[in-house]
Protein backbone atom coordinates (compact mmCIF):
# COMPACT_ATOMS: atom_id res chain seq x y z
CA UNK A 1 1.59 1.90 12.64
CA UNK A 2 -0.78 4.35 12.85
CA UNK A 3 -2.97 7.26 11.44
CA UNK A 4 -0.23 9.82 10.51
CA UNK A 5 2.17 6.84 9.28
CA UNK A 6 -0.78 6.80 6.23
CA UNK A 7 -0.57 10.37 6.13
CA UNK A 8 2.42 10.39 4.96
CA UNK A 9 2.39 7.72 2.85
CA UNK A 10 0.03 9.62 1.02
CA UNK A 11 1.79 12.53 0.95
CA UNK A 12 5.19 11.25 -0.66
CA UNK A 13 3.00 8.94 -3.71
CA UNK A 14 1.32 12.72 -4.89
CA UNK A 15 5.14 14.26 -4.51
CA UNK A 16 6.65 11.82 -5.99
CA UNK A 17 3.87 11.23 -8.97
CA UNK A 18 1.98 13.99 -8.75
CA UNK A 19 4.38 16.17 -11.24
CA UNK A 20 3.77 13.39 -14.11
CA UNK A 21 0.25 13.04 -14.31
CA UNK A 22 0.35 14.32 -18.14
CA UNK A 23 2.59 10.66 -18.35
CA UNK A 24 1.57 7.88 -20.13
CA UNK A 25 0.25 6.10 -16.93
CA UNK A 26 -0.90 2.98 -19.81
CA UNK A 27 2.57 1.47 -19.65
CA UNK A 28 3.23 -1.35 -17.31
CA UNK A 29 4.01 -0.23 -13.86
CA UNK A 30 6.94 -2.05 -13.56
CA UNK A 31 6.87 -5.76 -12.91
CA UNK A 32 3.75 -6.10 -12.40
CA UNK A 33 0.29 -7.23 -15.09
CA UNK A 34 -1.07 -4.14 -14.19
CA UNK A 35 -1.36 0.06 -16.48
CA UNK A 36 0.49 2.40 -13.54
CA UNK A 37 -3.38 3.73 -13.54
CA UNK A 38 -4.73 0.62 -12.77
CA UNK A 39 -1.98 -0.08 -10.26
CA UNK A 40 -2.70 3.53 -8.87
CA UNK A 41 -6.45 3.23 -8.50
CA UNK A 42 -5.41 -0.10 -6.88
CA UNK A 43 -3.82 1.50 -4.31
CA UNK A 44 -7.10 4.16 -3.73
CA UNK A 45 -9.53 0.50 -3.66
CA UNK A 46 -6.91 -1.43 -1.27
CA UNK A 47 -6.93 2.20 0.74
CA UNK A 48 -10.92 2.34 1.03
CA UNK A 49 -11.51 -1.49 1.65
CA UNK A 50 -9.18 -0.77 4.64
CA UNK A 51 -11.19 1.92 6.50
CA UNK A 52 -14.59 0.10 4.87
CA UNK A 53 -13.09 -3.15 7.17
CA UNK A 54 -11.53 -0.83 10.61
CA UNK A 55 -15.17 0.92 10.53
CA UNK A 56 -17.69 -2.90 10.14
CA UNK A 57 -15.12 -4.90 11.79
CA UNK A 58 -16.44 -7.99 10.21
CA UNK A 59 -15.04 -10.72 11.95
CA UNK A 60 -15.01 -13.68 9.46
CA UNK A 61 -14.16 -12.02 5.84
CA UNK A 62 -14.48 -9.20 3.36
CA UNK A 63 -17.47 -6.53 3.27
CA UNK A 64 -18.93 -6.98 -0.67
CA UNK A 65 -17.96 -2.93 -1.71
CA UNK A 66 -15.36 -2.78 -4.75
CA UNK A 67 -13.85 0.57 -5.66
CA UNK A 68 -14.75 1.57 -9.30
CA UNK A 69 -12.71 4.02 -11.29
CA UNK A 70 -14.37 5.34 -14.46
CA UNK A 71 -13.02 4.88 -17.67
CA UNK A 72 -12.71 8.61 -18.14
CA UNK A 73 -10.47 9.32 -14.50
CA UNK A 74 -7.06 10.97 -14.86
CA UNK A 75 -4.31 10.17 -13.53
CA UNK A 76 -4.81 13.27 -11.77
CA UNK A 77 -8.35 12.67 -10.74
CA UNK A 78 -6.36 9.03 -9.68
CA UNK A 79 -4.67 10.54 -7.31
CA UNK A 80 -7.31 12.81 -5.89
CA UNK A 81 -9.23 9.39 -5.09
CA UNK A 82 -5.72 7.92 -3.85
CA UNK A 83 -5.11 10.45 -1.40
CA UNK A 84 -9.26 10.24 -0.38
CA UNK A 85 -8.97 6.83 0.19
CA UNK A 86 -6.38 7.63 1.86
CA UNK A 87 -7.39 10.31 3.92
CA UNK A 88 -10.46 8.03 5.20
CA UNK A 89 -7.92 5.19 6.67
CA UNK A 90 -6.68 7.57 8.32
CA UNK A 91 -9.94 9.34 9.72
CA UNK A 92 -10.57 5.06 10.07
CA UNK A 93 -7.30 4.38 12.26
CA UNK A 94 -8.00 7.87 14.66
CA UNK A 95 -11.39 6.59 15.40
CA UNK A 96 -10.58 3.12 16.29
CA UNK A 97 -9.90 1.82 19.45
CA UNK A 98 -6.26 -0.52 19.60
CA UNK A 99 -8.32 -3.28 20.43
CA UNK A 100 -10.79 -3.36 17.61
CA UNK A 101 -10.02 -6.37 15.60
CA UNK A 102 -11.08 -6.76 11.77
CA UNK A 103 -10.87 -9.00 9.02
CA UNK A 104 -7.84 -9.48 7.06
CA UNK A 105 -7.23 -13.17 6.60
CA UNK A 106 -7.70 -13.50 10.59
CA UNK A 107 -8.51 -10.91 13.25
CA UNK A 108 -6.26 -7.94 12.12
CA UNK A 109 -5.79 -4.60 14.16
CA UNK A 110 -5.24 -1.38 13.58
CA UNK A 111 -1.94 -1.22 13.52
CA UNK A 112 -1.82 -4.26 10.65
CA UNK A 113 -4.30 -2.17 8.85
CA UNK A 114 -1.95 0.88 9.15
CA UNK A 115 1.15 -0.85 8.18
CA UNK A 116 -0.63 -2.51 4.81
CA UNK A 117 -2.14 1.21 3.48
CA UNK A 118 1.12 1.86 3.47
CA UNK A 119 3.04 -0.98 2.31
CA UNK A 120 0.47 -0.47 -0.67
CA UNK A 121 1.28 2.50 -1.26
CA UNK A 122 4.57 2.62 -0.79
CA UNK A 123 4.92 -1.00 -3.98
CA UNK A 124 2.78 0.26 -6.07
CA UNK A 125 4.27 4.02 -6.27
CA UNK A 126 7.66 2.04 -6.58
CA UNK A 127 5.82 -0.33 -9.25
CA UNK A 128 4.25 2.79 -10.33
CA UNK A 129 8.05 5.22 -10.74
CA UNK A 130 9.55 1.95 -12.24
CA UNK A 131 6.56 2.15 -15.48
CA UNK A 132 7.03 5.90 -15.29
CA UNK A 133 11.11 6.02 -15.45
CA UNK A 134 11.18 7.94 -12.22
CA UNK A 135 14.13 7.21 -10.03
CA UNK A 136 12.48 6.61 -6.49
CA UNK A 137 12.68 4.35 -3.81
CA UNK A 138 10.66 3.92 -0.93
CA UNK A 139 11.72 6.15 1.77
CA UNK A 140 13.94 3.65 4.81
CA UNK A 141 11.63 5.71 7.75
CA UNK A 142 8.10 3.94 6.50
CA UNK A 143 9.62 0.72 5.09
CA UNK A 144 11.41 0.47 8.57
CA UNK A 145 7.96 -0.19 9.81
CA UNK A 146 6.26 -1.80 7.81
CA UNK A 147 9.13 -4.47 7.94
CA UNK A 148 8.38 -4.54 11.48
CA UNK A 149 4.64 -5.05 11.60
CA UNK A 150 3.99 -6.84 8.59
CA UNK A 151 7.43 -8.84 7.75
CA UNK A 152 8.86 -10.14 11.06
CA UNK A 153 10.67 -12.60 9.77
CA UNK A 154 12.77 -10.98 7.47
CA UNK A 155 16.01 -11.06 6.94
CA UNK A 156 18.89 -8.08 8.18
CA UNK A 157 19.37 -5.36 5.42
CA UNK A 158 18.77 -2.13 4.32
CA UNK A 159 14.77 -2.03 4.70
CA UNK A 160 14.04 -0.63 1.49
CA UNK A 161 15.98 -3.06 -0.74
CA UNK A 162 14.54 -6.27 2.10
CA UNK A 163 10.84 -4.76 2.13
CA UNK A 164 11.50 -4.85 -1.53
CA UNK A 165 12.28 -8.51 -2.06
CA UNK A 166 9.92 -9.60 0.61
CA UNK A 167 7.38 -8.74 -1.65
CA UNK A 168 9.20 -10.35 -5.18
CA UNK A 169 10.05 -6.66 -6.35
CA UNK A 170 13.93 -7.04 -5.89
CA UNK A 171 16.81 -9.46 -5.41
CA UNK A 172 18.86 -9.47 -2.38
CA UNK A 173 22.45 -10.97 -2.45
CA UNK A 174 22.62 -14.07 -0.50
CA UNK A 175 18.91 -14.84 -0.89
CA UNK A 176 16.68 -16.41 -3.86
CA UNK A 177 13.81 -13.62 -5.51
CA UNK A 178 10.69 -14.52 -4.25
CA UNK A 179 8.16 -16.07 -7.00
CA UNK A 180 5.47 -15.56 -3.70
CA UNK A 181 4.92 -14.10 -0.44
CA UNK A 182 2.25 -12.97 1.36
CA UNK A 183 2.44 -10.31 4.69
CA UNK A 184 1.68 -11.13 8.17
CA UNK A 185 -1.07 -8.34 9.54
CA UNK A 186 -3.57 -11.04 11.21
CA UNK A 187 -2.90 -11.02 14.81
CA UNK A 188 -5.16 -12.68 17.72
């Protein structure tokens, strides 16, 4: 995975959520305890964190930074922040050598950070659309790439439902619903 996939996922998030910024984003985001607003801010935070990790390439932990979205920020403001942070991640991916490793629960290569960025965008956009009662599922082209990079032991099946199952958001036939999960971004 690379910068183009992050850019595509940011565009999809904006396409899906942009027309609905006048909705009530204080409602829970699908199965999450966060509101839709908090979930969108979380997306931006993680995209910025991934870009920062790549830029600094720490080997043993996370940089001591957080993104704070101001209380007066509207959903439209937060979506612009998601776009800005996604663009920063795409830029970091474009300028980072493939051999670079940065901390994410171990040494993670740029493809892992790209996959995590796309996963955050798709999964949390899905959560927000559930909260806002919008019909949408993450696109197969991107979910298949996320599965291949972050969930190599995922069961067979259509990529989008499998990704939602891998992250505890859905059920799959013959598989119990996951109560906890982790993805495998770190690589030596």
